[in-house]
PDB file of N, CA and C in Angstrom:
ATOM      1  N   UNK A   1      13.076  55.966  12.661  1.00  0.00           N
ATOM      2  CA  UNK A   1      13.240  54.690  13.329  1.00  0.00           C
ATOM      3  C   UNK A   1      13.275  53.578  12.280  1.00  0.00           C
ATOM      4  N   UNK A   2      14.221  52.666  12.422  1.00  0.00           N
ATOM      5  CA  UNK A   2      14.424  51.603  11.444  1.00  0.00           C
ATOM      6  C   UNK A   2      13.762  50.313  11.925  1.00  0.00           C
ATOM      7  N   UNK A   3      13.088  49.622  11.021  1.00  0.00           N
ATOM      8  CA  UNK A   3      12.427  48.366  11.343  1.00  0.00           C
ATOM      9  C   UNK A   3      13.278  47.209  10.832  1.00  0.00           C
ATOM     10  N   UNK A   4      13.506  46.243  11.700  1.00  0.00           N
ATOM     11  CA  UNK A   4      14.289  45.060  11.312  1.00  0.00           C
ATOM     12  C   UNK A   4      13.345  43.952  10.864  1.00  0.00           C
ATOM     13  N   UNK A   5      13.778  43.259   9.871  1.00  0.00           N
ATOM     14  CA  UNK A   5      12.996  42.133   9.371  1.00  0.00           C
ATOM     15  C   UNK A   5      13.488  40.872  10.069  1.00  0.00           C
ATOM     16  N   UNK A   6      12.714  40.354  11.017  1.00  0.00           N
ATOM     17  CA  UNK A   6      13.128  39.182  11.791  1.00  0.00           C
ATOM     18  C   UNK A   6      12.562  37.884  11.250  1.00  0.00           C
ATOM     19  N   UNK A   7      12.039  37.891  10.038  1.00  0.00           N
ATOM     20  CA  UNK A   7      11.497  36.660   9.473  1.00  0.00           C
ATOM     21  C   UNK A   7      12.620  35.691   9.141  1.00  0.00           C
ATOM     22  N   UNK A   8      12.372  34.446   9.455  1.00  0.00           N
ATOM     23  CA  UNK A   8      13.356  33.410   9.160  1.00  0.00           C
ATOM     24  C   UNK A   8      13.068  32.810   7.798  1.00  0.00           C
ATOM     25  N   UNK A   9      14.112  32.326   7.152  1.00  0.00           N
ATOM     26  CA  UNK A   9      13.980  31.730   5.822  1.00  0.00           C
ATOM     27  C   UNK A   9      13.510  30.288   5.934  1.00  0.00           C
ATOM     28  N   UNK A  10      12.936  29.825   4.833  1.00  0.00           N
ATOM     29  CA  UNK A  10      12.563  28.410   4.720  1.00  0.00           C
ATOM     30  C   UNK A  10      13.799  27.615   4.303  1.00  0.00           C
ATOM     31  N   UNK A  11      13.875  26.378   4.737  1.00  0.00           N
ATOM     32  CA  UNK A  11      14.947  25.504   4.252  1.00  0.00           C
ATOM     33  C   UNK A  11      14.771  25.313   2.751  1.00  0.00           C
ATOM     34  N   UNK A  12      15.865  25.253   1.998  1.00  0.00           N
ATOM     35  CA  UNK A  12      15.763  25.256   0.533  1.00  0.00           C
ATOM     36  C   UNK A  12      14.895  24.152  -0.067  1.00  0.00           C
ATOM     37  N   UNK A  13      14.967  22.950   0.449  1.00  0.00           N
ATOM     38  CA  UNK A  13      14.234  21.826  -0.154  1.00  0.00           C
ATOM     39  C   UNK A  13      13.233  21.196   0.801  1.00  0.00           C
ATOM     40  N   UNK A  14      12.725  21.963   1.757  1.00  0.00           N
ATOM     41  CA  UNK A  14      11.802  21.401   2.755  1.00  0.00           C
ATOM     42  C   UNK A  14      10.520  20.894   2.101  1.00  0.00           C
ATOM     43  N   UNK A  15       9.967  21.666   1.191  1.00  0.00           N
ATOM     44  CA  UNK A  15       8.730  21.255   0.527  1.00  0.00           C
ATOM     45  C   UNK A  15       8.969  20.043  -0.376  1.00  0.00           C
ATOM     46  N   UNK A  16      10.123  19.998  -1.013  1.00  0.00           N
ATOM     47  CA  UNK A  16      10.456  18.860  -1.878  1.00  0.00           C
ATOM     48  C   UNK A  16      10.572  17.575  -1.070  1.00  0.00           C
ATOM     49  N   UNK A  17      11.236  17.663   0.079  1.00  0.00           N
ATOM     50  CA  UNK A  17      11.371  16.485   0.948  1.00  0.00           C
ATOM     51  C   UNK A  17       9.996  16.011   1.410  1.00  0.00           C
ATOM     52  N   UNK A  18       9.152  16.947   1.807  1.00  0.00           N
ATOM     53  CA  UNK A  18       7.805  16.584   2.258  1.00  0.00           C
ATOM     54  C   UNK A  18       7.001  15.940   1.130  1.00  0.00           C
ATOM     55  N   UNK A  19       7.058  16.516  -0.054  1.00  0.00           N
ATOM     56  CA  UNK A  19       6.312  15.984  -1.199  1.00  0.00           C
ATOM     57  C   UNK A  19       6.807  14.592  -1.586  1.00  0.00           C
ATOM     58  N   UNK A  20       8.118  14.426  -1.677  1.00  0.00           N
ATOM     59  CA  UNK A  20       8.665  13.115  -2.047  1.00  0.00           C
ATOM     60  C   UNK A  20       8.372  12.068  -0.974  1.00  0.00           C
ATOM     61  N   UNK A  21       8.440  12.458   0.284  1.00  0.00           N
ATOM     62  CA  UNK A  21       8.139  11.517   1.368  1.00  0.00           C
ATOM     63  C   UNK A  21       6.701  11.047   1.331  1.00  0.00           C
ATOM     64  N   UNK A  22       5.783  11.987   1.121  1.00  0.00           N
ATOM     65  CA  UNK A  22       4.363  11.619   1.054  1.00  0.00           C
ATOM     66  C   UNK A  22       4.086  10.783  -0.192  1.00  0.00           C
ATOM     67  N   UNK A  23       4.656  11.168  -1.330  1.00  0.00           N
ATOM     68  CA  UNK A  23       4.464  10.389  -2.561  1.00  0.00           C
ATOM     69  C   UNK A  23       5.002   8.972  -2.419  1.00  0.00           C
ATOM     70  N   UNK A  24       6.162   8.836  -1.791  1.00  0.00           N
ATOM     71  CA  UNK A  24       6.722   7.494  -1.624  1.00  0.00           C
ATOM     72  C   UNK A  24       5.829   6.635  -0.744  1.00  0.00           C
ATOM     73  N   UNK A  25       5.203   7.245   0.252  1.00  0.00           N
ATOM     74  CA  UNK A  25       4.311   6.491   1.125  1.00  0.00           C
ATOM     75  C   UNK A  25       3.002   6.134   0.428  1.00  0.00           C
ATOM     76  N   UNK A  26       2.476   7.050  -0.375  1.00  0.00           N
ATOM     77  CA  UNK A  26       1.216   6.804  -1.087  1.00  0.00           C
ATOM     78  C   UNK A  26       1.427   5.806  -2.224  1.00  0.00           C
ATOM     79  N   UNK A  27       2.506   5.965  -2.974  1.00  0.00           N
ATOM     80  CA  UNK A  27       2.751   5.088  -4.123  1.00  0.00           C
ATOM     81  C   UNK A  27       3.257   3.712  -3.734  1.00  0.00           C
ATOM     82  N   UNK A  28       3.531   3.497  -2.463  1.00  0.00           N
ATOM     83  CA  UNK A  28       3.984   2.188  -2.004  1.00  0.00           C
ATOM     84  C   UNK A  28       2.989   1.093  -2.372  1.00  0.00           C
ATOM     85  N   UNK A  29       1.700   1.379  -2.283  1.00  0.00           N
ATOM     86  CA  UNK A  29       0.678   0.370  -2.547  1.00  0.00           C
ATOM     87  C   UNK A  29       0.581   0.022  -4.019  1.00  0.00           C
ATOM     88  N   UNK A  30       0.993   0.931  -4.905  1.00  0.00           N
ATOM     89  CA  UNK A  30       0.871   0.682  -6.329  1.00  0.00           C
ATOM     90  C   UNK A  30       2.194   0.288  -6.977  1.00  0.00           C
ATOM     91  N   UNK A  31       3.215   1.022  -6.660  1.00  0.00           N
ATOM     92  CA  UNK A  31       4.513   0.841  -7.327  1.00  0.00           C
ATOM     93  C   UNK A  31       5.598   0.737  -6.262  1.00  0.00           C
ATOM     94  N   UNK A  32       5.979  -0.472  -5.913  1.00  0.00           N
ATOM     95  CA  UNK A  32       6.962  -0.672  -4.853  1.00  0.00           C
ATOM     96  C   UNK A  32       8.327  -0.128  -5.174  1.00  0.00           C
ATOM     97  N   UNK A  33       8.797  -0.348  -6.403  1.00  0.00           N
ATOM     98  CA  UNK A  33      10.136   0.093  -6.771  1.00  0.00           C
ATOM     99  C   UNK A  33      10.204   1.617  -6.882  1.00  0.00           C
ATOM    100  N   UNK A  34       9.178   2.238  -7.439  1.00  0.00           N
ATOM    101  CA  UNK A  34       9.132   3.701  -7.529  1.00  0.00           C
ATOM    102  C   UNK A  34       9.096   4.300  -6.129  1.00  0.00           C
ATOM    103  N   UNK A  35       8.319   3.702  -5.253  1.00  0.00           N
ATOM    104  CA  UNK A  35       8.241   4.161  -3.876  1.00  0.00           C
ATOM    105  C   UNK A  35       9.588   4.045  -3.179  1.00  0.00           C
ATOM    106  N   UNK A  36      10.291   2.971  -3.430  1.00  0.00           N
ATOM    107  CA  UNK A  36      11.612   2.772  -2.837  1.00  0.00           C
ATOM    108  C   UNK A  36      12.581   3.857  -3.297  1.00  0.00           C
ATOM    109  N   UNK A  37      12.586   4.154  -4.579  1.00  0.00           N
ATOM    110  CA  UNK A  37      13.489   5.169  -5.117  1.00  0.00           C
ATOM    111  C   UNK A  37      13.143   6.558  -4.580  1.00  0.00           C
ATOM    112  N   UNK A  38      11.852   6.915  -4.613  1.00  0.00           N
ATOM    113  CA  UNK A  38      11.445   8.224  -4.086  1.00  0.00           C
ATOM    114  C   UNK A  38      11.745   8.339  -2.596  1.00  0.00           C
ATOM    115  N   UNK A  39      11.535   7.273  -1.863  1.00  0.00           N
ATOM    116  CA  UNK A  39      11.800   7.288  -0.432  1.00  0.00           C
ATOM    117  C   UNK A  39      13.271   7.481  -0.112  1.00  0.00           C
ATOM    118  N   UNK A  40      14.127   6.815  -0.858  1.00  0.00           N
ATOM    119  CA  UNK A  40      15.573   6.973  -0.639  1.00  0.00           C
ATOM    120  C   UNK A  40      16.006   8.395  -0.955  1.00  0.00           C
ATOM    121  N   UNK A  41      15.487   8.954  -2.042  1.00  0.00           N
ATOM    122  CA  UNK A  41      15.828  10.333  -2.404  1.00  0.00           C
ATOM    123  C   UNK A  41      15.358  11.299  -1.315  1.00  0.00           C
ATOM    124  N   UNK A  42      14.131  11.135  -0.839  1.00  0.00           N
ATOM    125  CA  UNK A  42      13.597  12.016   0.211  1.00  0.00           C
ATOM    126  C   UNK A  42      14.375  11.858   1.510  1.00  0.00           C
ATOM    127  N   UNK A  43      14.771  10.647   1.833  1.00  0.00           N
ATOM    128  CA  UNK A  43      15.522  10.376   3.055  1.00  0.00           C
ATOM    129  C   UNK A  43      16.879  11.092   3.014  1.00  0.00           C
ATOM    130  N   UNK A  44      17.581  10.965   1.902  1.00  0.00           N
ATOM    131  CA  UNK A  44      18.893  11.605   1.756  1.00  0.00           C
ATOM    132  C   UNK A  44      18.753  13.132   1.769  1.00  0.00           C
ATOM    133  N   UNK A  45      17.765  13.646   1.028  1.00  0.00           N
ATOM    134  CA  UNK A  45      17.559  15.093   1.018  1.00  0.00           C
ATOM    135  C   UNK A  45      17.164  15.601   2.399  1.00  0.00           C
ATOM    136  N   UNK A  46      16.374  14.845   3.121  1.00  0.00           N
ATOM    137  CA  UNK A  46      15.982  15.221   4.476  1.00  0.00           C
ATOM    138  C   UNK A  46      17.167  15.280   5.420  1.00  0.00           C
ATOM    139  N   UNK A  47      18.078  14.321   5.282  1.00  0.00           N
ATOM    140  CA  UNK A  47      19.292  14.355   6.099  1.00  0.00           C
ATOM    141  C   UNK A  47      20.117  15.603   5.805  1.00  0.00           C
ATOM    142  N   UNK A  48      20.227  15.956   4.524  1.00  0.00           N
ATOM    143  CA  UNK A  48      20.986  17.149   4.147  1.00  0.00           C
ATOM    144  C   UNK A  48      20.329  18.419   4.691  1.00  0.00           C
ATOM    145  N   UNK A  49      19.001  18.485   4.610  1.00  0.00           N
ATOM    146  CA  UNK A  49      18.291  19.664   5.114  1.00  0.00           C
ATOM    147  C   UNK A  49      18.419  19.777   6.631  1.00  0.00           C
ATOM    148  N   UNK A  50      18.368  18.666   7.345  1.00  0.00           N
ATOM    149  CA  UNK A  50      18.576  18.698   8.801  1.00  0.00           C
ATOM    150  C   UNK A  50      19.959  19.212   9.148  1.00  0.00           C
ATOM    151  N   UNK A  51      20.946  18.760   8.383  1.00  0.00           N
ATOM    152  CA  UNK A  51      22.320  19.204   8.619  1.00  0.00           C
ATOM    153  C   UNK A  51      22.443  20.715   8.394  1.00  0.00           C
ATOM    154  N   UNK A  52      21.804  21.213   7.326  1.00  0.00           N
ATOM    155  CA  UNK A  52      21.821  22.650   7.049  1.00  0.00           C
ATOM    156  C   UNK A  52      21.181  23.421   8.196  1.00  0.00           C
ATOM    157  N   UNK A  53      20.061  22.925   8.699  1.00  0.00           N
ATOM    158  CA  UNK A  53      19.377  23.598   9.808  1.00  0.00           C
ATOM    159  C   UNK A  53      20.243  23.602  11.066  1.00  0.00           C
ATOM    160  N   UNK A  54      20.861  22.475  11.378  1.00  0.00           N
ATOM    161  CA  UNK A  54      21.659  22.383  12.597  1.00  0.00           C
ATOM    162  C   UNK A  54      22.925  23.237  12.539  1.00  0.00           C
ATOM    163  N   UNK A  55      23.419  23.515  11.338  1.00  0.00           N
ATOM    164  CA  UNK A  55      24.586  24.383  11.203  1.00  0.00           C
ATOM    165  C   UNK A  55      24.254  25.826  11.544  1.00  0.00           C
ATOM    166  N   UNK A  56      23.040  26.273  11.228  1.00  0.00           N
ATOM    167  CA  UNK A  56      22.625  27.646  11.549  1.00  0.00           C
ATOM    168  C   UNK A  56      21.130  27.674  11.856  1.00  0.00           C
ATOM    169  N   UNK A  57      20.750  27.262  13.062  1.00  0.00           N
ATOM    170  CA  UNK A  57      19.319  27.164  13.387  1.00  0.00           C
ATOM    171  C   UNK A  57      18.604  28.512  13.482  1.00  0.00           C
ATOM    172  N   UNK A  58      19.317  29.574  13.719  1.00  0.00           N
ATOM    173  CA  UNK A  58      18.680  30.871  13.841  1.00  0.00           C
ATOM    174  C   UNK A  58      18.239  31.468  12.526  1.00  0.00           C
ATOM    175  N   UNK A  59      18.718  30.913  11.427  1.00  0.00           N
ATOM    176  CA  UNK A  59      18.419  31.463  10.108  1.00  0.00           C
ATOM    177  C   UNK A  59      17.129  30.885   9.537  1.00  0.00           C
ATOM    178  N   UNK A  60      16.844  29.632   9.837  1.00  0.00           N
ATOM    179  CA  UNK A  60      15.726  28.935   9.207  1.00  0.00           C
ATOM    180  C   UNK A  60      14.568  28.766  10.181  1.00  0.00           C
ATOM    181  N   UNK A  61      13.368  28.654   9.643  1.00  0.00           N
ATOM    182  CA  UNK A  61      12.161  28.575  10.470  1.00  0.00           C
ATOM    183  C   UNK A  61      11.929  27.153  10.984  1.00  0.00           C
ATOM    184  N   UNK A  62      11.231  27.091  12.110  1.00  0.00           N
ATOM    185  CA  UNK A  62      10.872  25.800  12.698  1.00  0.00           C
ATOM    186  C   UNK A  62       9.863  25.054  11.823  1.00  0.00           C
ATOM    187  N   UNK A  63       9.007  25.790  11.143  1.00  0.00           N
ATOM    188  CA  UNK A  63       7.990  25.154  10.293  1.00  0.00           C
ATOM    189  C   UNK A  63       8.643  24.379   9.157  1.00  0.00           C
ATOM    190  N   UNK A  64       9.694  24.933   8.577  1.00  0.00           N
ATOM    191  CA  UNK A  64      10.361  24.209   7.494  1.00  0.00           C
ATOM    192  C   UNK A  64      11.081  22.984   8.037  1.00  0.00           C
ATOM    193  N   UNK A  65      11.603  23.063   9.256  1.00  0.00           N
ATOM    194  CA  UNK A  65      12.229  21.886   9.864  1.00  0.00           C
ATOM    195  C   UNK A  65      11.181  20.812  10.136  1.00  0.00           C
ATOM    196  N   UNK A  66       9.976  21.217  10.558  1.00  0.00           N
ATOM    197  CA  UNK A  66       8.898  20.235  10.768  1.00  0.00           C
ATOM    198  C   UNK A  66       8.503  19.559   9.459  1.00  0.00           C
ATOM    199  N   UNK A  67       8.476  20.325   8.358  1.00  0.00           N
ATOM    200  CA  UNK A  67       8.195  19.728   7.044  1.00  0.00           C
ATOM    201  C   UNK A  67       9.261  18.706   6.673  1.00  0.00           C
ATOM    202  N   UNK A  68      10.510  19.031   6.950  1.00  0.00           N
ATOM    203  CA  UNK A  68      11.604  18.098   6.649  1.00  0.00           C
ATOM    204  C   UNK A  68      11.474  16.844   7.498  1.00  0.00           C
ATOM    205  N   UNK A  69      11.187  17.007   8.777  1.00  0.00           N
ATOM    206  CA  UNK A  69      11.038  15.841   9.656  1.00  0.00           C
ATOM    207  C   UNK A  69       9.879  14.952   9.221  1.00  0.00           C
ATOM    208  N   UNK A  70       8.770  15.562   8.855  1.00  0.00           N
ATOM    209  CA  UNK A  70       7.603  14.795   8.422  1.00  0.00           C
ATOM    210  C   UNK A  70       7.902  14.045   7.128  1.00  0.00           C
ATOM    211  N   UNK A  71       8.485  14.721   6.166  1.00  0.00           N
ATOM    212  CA  UNK A  71       8.827  14.078   4.896  1.00  0.00           C
ATOM    213  C   UNK A  71       9.834  12.967   5.072  1.00  0.00           C
ATOM    214  N   UNK A  72      10.820  13.209   5.936  1.00  0.00           N
ATOM    215  CA  UNK A  72      11.847  12.196   6.189  1.00  0.00           C
ATOM    216  C   UNK A  72      11.237  10.977   6.878  1.00  0.00           C
ATOM    217  N   UNK A  73      10.329  11.191   7.825  1.00  0.00           N
ATOM    218  CA  UNK A  73       9.669  10.082   8.508  1.00  0.00           C
ATOM    219  C   UNK A  73       8.817   9.266   7.542  1.00  0.00           C
ATOM    220  N   UNK A  74       8.065   9.949   6.683  1.00  0.00           N
ATOM    221  CA  UNK A  74       7.276   9.243   5.661  1.00  0.00           C
ATOM    222  C   UNK A  74       8.181   8.433   4.741  1.00  0.00           C
ATOM    223  N   UNK A  75       9.323   9.010   4.383  1.00  0.00           N
ATOM    224  CA  UNK A  75      10.266   8.319   3.491  1.00  0.00           C
ATOM    225  C   UNK A  75      10.836   7.072   4.160  1.00  0.00           C
ATOM    226  N   UNK A  76      11.197   7.170   5.425  1.00  0.00           N
ATOM    227  CA  UNK A  76      11.752   6.017   6.134  1.00  0.00           C
ATOM    228  C   UNK A  76      10.722   4.891   6.208  1.00  0.00           C
ATOM    229  N   UNK A  77       9.494   5.235   6.537  1.00  0.00           N
ATOM    230  CA  UNK A  77       8.432   4.225   6.616  1.00  0.00           C
ATOM    231  C   UNK A  77       8.197   3.603   5.241  1.00  0.00           C
ATOM    232  N   UNK A  78       8.151   4.426   4.193  1.00  0.00           N
ATOM    233  CA  UNK A  78       7.912   3.916   2.840  1.00  0.00           C
ATOM    234  C   UNK A  78       9.049   3.024   2.370  1.00  0.00           C
ATOM    235  N   UNK A  79      10.289   3.377   2.681  1.00  0.00           N
ATOM    236  CA  UNK A  79      11.433   2.541   2.279  1.00  0.00           C
ATOM    237  C   UNK A  79      11.352   1.185   2.966  1.00  0.00           C
ATOM    238  N   UNK A  80      11.026   1.171   4.245  1.00  0.00           N
ATOM    239  CA  UNK A  80      10.897  -0.110   4.958  1.00  0.00           C
ATOM    240  C   UNK A  80       9.776  -0.968   4.378  1.00  0.00           C
ATOM    241  N   UNK A  81       8.610  -0.364   4.163  1.00  0.00           N
ATOM    242  CA  UNK A  81       7.483  -1.121   3.607  1.00  0.00           C
ATOM    243  C   UNK A  81       7.773  -1.618   2.194  1.00  0.00           C
ATOM    244  N   UNK A  82       8.359  -0.759   1.368  1.00  0.00           N
ATOM    245  CA  UNK A  82       8.669  -1.152  -0.013  1.00  0.00           C
ATOM    246  C   UNK A  82       9.710  -2.268  -0.036  1.00  0.00           C
ATOM    247  N   UNK A  83      10.703  -2.194   0.841  1.00  0.00           N
ATOM    248  CA  UNK A  83      11.727  -3.240   0.897  1.00  0.00           C
ATOM    249  C   UNK A  83      11.111  -4.573   1.291  1.00  0.00           C
ATOM    250  N   UNK A  84      10.271  -4.568   2.322  1.00  0.00           N
ATOM    251  CA  UNK A  84       9.620  -5.811   2.733  1.00  0.00           C
ATOM    252  C   UNK A  84       8.713  -6.357   1.635  1.00  0.00           C
ATOM    253  N   UNK A  85       8.006  -5.493   0.944  1.00  0.00           N
ATOM    254  CA  UNK A  85       7.116  -5.933  -0.126  1.00  0.00           C
ATOM    255  C   UNK A  85       7.897  -6.540  -1.280  1.00  0.00           C
ATOM    256  N   UNK A  86       8.973  -5.890  -1.672  1.00  0.00           N
ATOM    257  CA  UNK A  86       9.792  -6.404  -2.770  1.00  0.00           C
ATOM    258  C   UNK A  86      10.404  -7.744  -2.391  1.00  0.00           C
ATOM    259  N   UNK A  87      10.899  -7.866  -1.166  1.00  0.00           N
ATOM    260  CA  UNK A  87      11.445  -9.149  -0.714  1.00  0.00           C
ATOM    261  C   UNK A  87      10.372 -10.230  -0.672  1.00  0.00           C
ATOM    262  N   UNK A  88       9.164  -9.879  -0.244  1.00  0.00           N
ATOM    263  CA  UNK A  88       8.060 -10.840  -0.213  1.00  0.00           C
ATOM    264  C   UNK A  88       7.726 -11.335  -1.616  1.00  0.00           C
ATOM    265  N   UNK A  89       7.675 -10.422  -2.576  1.00  0.00           N
ATOM    266  CA  UNK A  89       7.361 -10.797  -3.958  1.00  0.00           C
ATOM    267  C   UNK A  89       8.459 -11.690  -4.521  1.00  0.00           C
ATOM    268  N   UNK A  90       9.710 -11.369  -4.242  1.00  0.00           N
ATOM    269  CA  UNK A  90      10.826 -12.201  -4.720  1.00  0.00           C
ATOM    270  C   UNK A  90      10.732 -13.599  -4.118  1.00  0.00           C
ATOM    271  N   UNK A  91      10.485 -13.679  -2.815  1.00  0.00           N
ATOM    272  CA  UNK A  91      10.363 -14.990  -2.170  1.00  0.00           C
ATOM    273  C   UNK A  91       9.144 -15.754  -2.683  1.00  0.00           C
ATOM    274  N   UNK A  92       8.068 -15.064  -2.976  1.00  0.00           N
ATOM    275  CA  UNK A  92       6.876 -15.701  -3.522  1.00  0.00           C
ATOM    276  C   UNK A  92       7.166 -16.324  -4.886  1.00  0.00           C
ATOM    277  N   UNK A  93       7.818 -15.562  -5.752  1.00  0.00           N
ATOM    278  CA  UNK A  93       8.157 -16.112  -7.072  1.00  0.00           C
ATOM    279  C   UNK A  93       9.162 -17.251  -6.971  1.00  0.00           C
ATOM    280  N   UNK A  94      10.105 -17.157  -6.043  1.00  0.00           N
ATOM    281  CA  UNK A  94      11.051 -18.263  -5.860  1.00  0.00           C
ATOM    282  C   UNK A  94      10.311 -19.516  -5.402  1.00  0.00           C
ATOM    283  N   UNK A  95       9.334 -19.349  -4.509  1.00  0.00           N
ATOM    284  CA  UNK A  95       8.543 -20.492  -4.055  1.00  0.00           C
ATOM    285  C   UNK A  95       7.719 -21.095  -5.172  1.00  0.00           C
ATOM    286  N   UNK A  96       7.164 -20.245  -6.042  1.00  0.00           N
ATOM    287  CA  UNK A  96       6.416 -20.767  -7.185  1.00  0.00           C
ATOM    288  C   UNK A  96       7.314 -21.535  -8.138  1.00  0.00           C
ATOM    289  N   UNK A  97       8.495 -21.020  -8.373  1.00  0.00           N
ATOM    290  CA  UNK A  97       9.435 -21.700  -9.273  1.00  0.00           C
ATOM    291  C   UNK A  97       9.850 -23.044  -8.695  1.00  0.00           C
ATOM    292  N   UNK A  98      10.159 -23.074  -7.409  1.00  0.00           N
ATOM    293  CA  UNK A  98      10.542 -24.341  -6.775  1.00  0.00           C
ATOM    294  C   UNK A  98       9.354 -25.294  -6.766  1.00  0.00           C
ATOM    295  N   UNK A  99       8.147 -24.790  -6.512  1.00  0.00           N
ATOM    296  CA  UNK A  99       6.968 -25.648  -6.496  1.00  0.00           C
ATOM    297  C   UNK A  99       6.673 -26.242  -7.855  1.00  0.00           C
ATOM    298  N   UNK A 100       6.793 -25.454  -8.899  1.00  0.00           N
ATOM    299  CA  UNK A 100       6.563 -25.961 -10.235  1.00  0.00           C
ATOM    300  C   UNK A 100       7.636 -26.964 -10.612  1.00  0.00           C
ATOM    301  N   UNK A 101       8.875 -26.684 -10.229  1.00  0.00           N
ATOM    302  CA  UNK A 101       9.965 -27.614 -10.523  1.00  0.00           C
ATOM    303  C   UNK A 101       9.822 -28.936  -9.801  1.00  0.00           C
ATOM    304  N   UNK A 102       9.266 -28.896  -8.609  1.00  0.00           N
ATOM    305  CA  UNK A 102       9.103 -30.119  -7.823  1.00  0.00           C
ATOM    306  C   UNK A 102       7.821 -30.857  -8.199  1.00  0.00           C
ATOM    307  N   UNK A 103       6.990 -30.273  -9.031  1.00  0.00           N
ATOM    308  CA  UNK A 103       5.767 -30.938  -9.463  1.00  0.00           C
ATOM    309  C   UNK A 103       4.633 -30.834  -8.460  1.00  0.00           C
ATOM    310  N   UNK A 104       4.688 -29.876  -7.564  1.00  0.00           N
ATOM    311  CA  UNK A 104       3.642 -29.741  -6.550  1.00  0.00           C
ATOM    312  C   UNK A 104       2.307 -29.374  -7.182  1.00  0.00           C
ATOM    313  N   UNK A 105       2.356 -28.601  -8.246  1.00  0.00           N
ATOM    314  CA  UNK A 105       1.124 -28.109  -8.868  1.00  0.00           C
ATOM    315  C   UNK A 105       0.603 -29.016  -9.985  1.00  0.00           C
ATOM    316  N   UNK A 106       1.207 -30.167 -10.165  1.00  0.00           N
ATOM    317  CA  UNK A 106       0.706 -31.073 -11.225  1.00  0.00           C
ATOM    318  C   UNK A 106      -0.521 -31.807 -10.706  1.00  0.00           C
ATOM    319  N   UNK A 107      -1.448 -32.055 -11.608  1.00  0.00           N
ATOM    320  CA  UNK A 107      -2.686 -32.710 -11.182  1.00  0.00           C
ATOM    321  C   UNK A 107      -2.459 -34.207 -11.021  1.00  0.00           C
ATOM    322  N   UNK A 108      -3.116 -34.747 -10.041  1.00  0.00           N
ATOM    323  CA  UNK A 108      -3.002 -36.183  -9.766  1.00  0.00           C
ATOM    324  C   UNK A 108      -4.227 -36.864 -10.350  1.00  0.00           C
ATOM    325  N   UNK A 109      -4.034 -37.892 -11.155  1.00  0.00           N
ATOM    326  CA  UNK A 109      -5.141 -38.627 -11.772  1.00  0.00           C
ATOM    327  C   UNK A 109      -5.376 -39.932 -11.084  1.00  0.00           C
TER     328      UNK A 109
END
């Protein structure tokens, strides 16, 4: 009697997407630009892995798809937060430059 191996394969980069997504979310508080770059990479890789899964869902495991979804979600959140933070910092520095130019911070005697 022959035994069939019904185990499904893992998606090729599921763990990478999960790791990059979590790193982008964690590093958001320290390094906004690094978080933005890691998040974009994880987001793109997650989209590719989802496409691979949807082309042949019977070949790959649900657990690896959940890892891809989790990593992709973390990446999307990190990209949004990093973008808002970078824009806030840019606007803050622009306000400081305009304030210094207008003499707002000069002392009054």
